[in-house]
Amino acid sequence: MKVASNTAAAQAAVAGFANIEVESDGQQVSLGSSNVASMQEGASVANGVLDSISELVSGVKRQAAGVTALATEIEARDKRDAASVGGKR
């Protein structure tokens, strides 16, 4: 069995994450003049969830970029190793 790195496979595995978009200025919940405590808390929670989702998407995209960068480094290392032992890649 031959084990080798594959940059194309890594890129394909994370490609879908690059297409995720969250509007940074997404619509925030606004209650106007409501003073009902549960409504105010609900609005606060909803706005917090939007912020958290935006942070999550940013983190996932950073990790996805790291996967492809790492795959590129590993592929280059594998090619050097194969060349040093006379193998082909």
C-alpha atoms as a PDB file:
ATOM      1  CA  MET A   1       0.000   0.000   0.000  1.00  0.00           C
ATOM      2  CA  LYS A   2       1.365   3.392  -0.991  1.00  0.00           C
ATOM      3  CA  VAL A   3       0.702   6.271   1.377  1.00  0.00           C
ATOM      4  CA  ALA A   4       1.200   9.732  -0.030  1.00  0.00           C
ATOM      5  CA  SER A   5      -0.011  13.242   0.533  1.00  0.00           C
ATOM      6  CA  ASN A   6      -2.515  14.658  -1.897  1.00  0.00           C
ATOM      7  CA  THR A   7      -2.991  18.404  -2.079  1.00  0.00           C
ATOM      8  CA  ALA A   8      -5.988  18.074  -4.405  1.00  0.00           C
ATOM      9  CA  ALA A   9      -7.750  15.782  -1.936  1.00  0.00           C
ATOM     10  CA  ALA A  10      -7.127  18.253   0.904  1.00  0.00           C
ATOM     11  CA  GLN A  11      -8.455  21.130  -1.176  1.00  0.00           C
ATOM     12  CA  ALA A  12     -11.531  19.133  -2.168  1.00  0.00           C
ATOM     13  CA  ALA A  13     -12.175  18.227   1.468  1.00  0.00           C
ATOM     14  CA  VAL A  14     -12.321  21.851   2.601  1.00  0.00           C
ATOM     15  CA  ALA A  15     -13.606  23.554  -0.569  1.00  0.00           C
ATOM     16  CA  GLY A  16     -17.164  23.859   0.691  1.00  0.00           C
ATOM     17  CA  PHE A  17     -16.092  25.885   3.693  1.00  0.00           C
ATOM     18  CA  ALA A  18     -14.752  28.667   1.483  1.00  0.00           C
ATOM     19  CA  ASN A  19     -18.260  29.300   0.168  1.00  0.00           C
ATOM     20  CA  ILE A  20     -19.829  29.957   3.563  1.00  0.00           C
ATOM     21  CA  GLU A  21     -20.750  33.596   3.963  1.00  0.00           C
ATOM     22  CA  VAL A  22     -22.138  35.435   6.959  1.00  0.00           C
ATOM     23  CA  GLU A  23     -22.997  39.070   6.580  1.00  0.00           C
ATOM     24  CA  SER A  24     -20.901  40.951   9.088  1.00  0.00           C
ATOM     25  CA  ASP A  25     -23.608  43.570   9.354  1.00  0.00           C
ATOM     26  CA  GLY A  26     -26.359  40.976   9.676  1.00  0.00           C
ATOM     27  CA  GLN A  27     -29.719  42.169  10.849  1.00  0.00           C
ATOM     28  CA  GLN A  28     -29.776  42.652  14.589  1.00  0.00           C
ATOM     29  CA  VAL A  29     -32.916  42.194  16.633  1.00  0.00           C
ATOM     30  CA  SER A  30     -34.407  45.484  17.751  1.00  0.00           C
ATOM     31  CA  LEU A  31     -37.380  45.753  20.081  1.00  0.00           C
ATOM     32  CA  GLY A  32     -38.016  49.444  19.822  1.00  0.00           C
ATOM     33  CA  SER A  33     -39.778  50.542  22.982  1.00  0.00           C
ATOM     34  CA  SER A  34     -40.549  47.111  24.449  1.00  0.00           C
ATOM     35  CA  ASN A  35     -39.675  46.786  28.102  1.00  0.00           C
ATOM     36  CA  VAL A  36     -40.737  43.159  28.594  1.00  0.00           C
ATOM     37  CA  ALA A  37     -37.714  41.514  30.215  1.00  0.00           C
ATOM     38  CA  SER A  38     -38.032  38.185  28.401  1.00  0.00           C
ATOM     39  CA  MET A  39     -38.284  39.977  25.035  1.00  0.00           C
ATOM     40  CA  GLN A  40     -35.181  42.013  25.824  1.00  0.00           C
ATOM     41  CA  GLU A  41     -33.293  38.891  26.886  1.00  0.00           C
ATOM     42  CA  GLY A  42     -34.437  37.058  23.765  1.00  0.00           C
ATOM     43  CA  ALA A  43     -33.203  39.892  21.559  1.00  0.00           C
ATOM     44  CA  SER A  44     -29.869  39.871  23.365  1.00  0.00           C
ATOM     45  CA  VAL A  45     -29.517  36.109  22.908  1.00  0.00           C
ATOM     46  CA  ALA A  46     -30.424  36.306  19.219  1.00  0.00           C
ATOM     47  CA  ASN A  47     -27.862  39.043  18.594  1.00  0.00           C
ATOM     48  CA  GLY A  48     -25.242  37.079  20.521  1.00  0.00           C
ATOM     49  CA  VAL A  49     -25.932  33.972  18.433  1.00  0.00           C
ATOM     50  CA  LEU A  50     -25.387  35.948  15.218  1.00  0.00           C
ATOM     51  CA  ASP A  51     -22.040  37.209  16.521  1.00  0.00           C
ATOM     52  CA  SER A  52     -21.037  33.698  17.608  1.00  0.00           C
ATOM     53  CA  ILE A  53     -21.925  32.207  14.225  1.00  0.00           C
ATOM     54  CA  SER A  54     -19.828  34.852  12.490  1.00  0.00           C
ATOM     55  CA  GLU A  55     -16.868  33.998  14.731  1.00  0.00           C
ATOM     56  CA  LEU A  56     -17.385  30.276  14.128  1.00  0.00           C
ATOM     57  CA  VAL A  57     -17.432  30.709  10.353  1.00  0.00           C
ATOM     58  CA  SER A  58     -14.246  32.776  10.487  1.00  0.00           C
ATOM     59  CA  GLY A  59     -12.543  30.101  12.586  1.00  0.00           C
ATOM     60  CA  VAL A  60     -13.626  27.286  10.289  1.00  0.00           C
ATOM     61  CA  LYS A  61     -12.312  29.174   7.259  1.00  0.00           C
ATOM     62  CA  ARG A  62      -8.949  29.751   8.996  1.00  0.00           C
ATOM     63  CA  GLN A  63      -8.687  26.061   9.839  1.00  0.00           C
ATOM     64  CA  ALA A  64      -9.639  25.061   6.283  1.00  0.00           C
ATOM     65  CA  ALA A  65      -6.904  27.298   4.891  1.00  0.00           C
ATOM     66  CA  GLY A  66      -4.479  25.675   7.311  1.00  0.00           C
ATOM     67  CA  VAL A  67      -5.397  22.199   6.054  1.00  0.00           C
ATOM     68  CA  THR A  68      -4.513  23.053   2.464  1.00  0.00           C
ATOM     69  CA  ALA A  69      -1.313  24.841   3.493  1.00  0.00           C
ATOM     70  CA  LEU A  70      -0.276  21.853   5.595  1.00  0.00           C
ATOM     71  CA  ALA A  71      -1.071  19.438   2.750  1.00  0.00           C
ATOM     72  CA  THR A  72       1.150  21.474   0.432  1.00  0.00           C
ATOM     73  CA  GLU A  73       4.025  21.342   2.921  1.00  0.00           C
ATOM     74  CA  ILE A  74       3.607  17.606   3.479  1.00  0.00           C
ATOM     75  CA  GLU A  75       3.458  16.933  -0.257  1.00  0.00           C
ATOM     76  CA  ALA A  76       6.707  18.857  -0.792  1.00  0.00           C
ATOM     77  CA  ARG A  77       8.346  16.943   2.063  1.00  0.00           C
ATOM     78  CA  ASP A  78       7.130  13.623   0.655  1.00  0.00           C
ATOM     79  CA  LYS A  79       8.611  14.479  -2.740  1.00  0.00           C
ATOM     80  CA  ARG A  80      11.960  15.366  -1.153  1.00  0.00           C
ATOM     81  CA  ASP A  81      11.939  12.160   0.881  1.00  0.00           C
ATOM     82  CA  ALA A  82      11.046  10.058  -2.150  1.00  0.00           C
ATOM     83  CA  ALA A  83      13.833  11.638  -4.167  1.00  0.00           C
ATOM     84  CA  SER A  84      16.367  11.048  -1.396  1.00  0.00           C
ATOM     85  CA  VAL A  85      15.633   7.313  -1.282  1.00  0.00           C
ATOM     86  CA  GLY A  86      15.387   6.945  -5.038  1.00  0.00           C
ATOM     87  CA  GLY A  87      11.647   6.463  -5.111  1.00  0.00           C
ATOM     88  CA  LYS A  88       9.186   8.000  -7.489  1.00  0.00           C
ATOM     89  CA  ARG A  89       6.187  10.081  -6.647  1.00  0.00           C
END
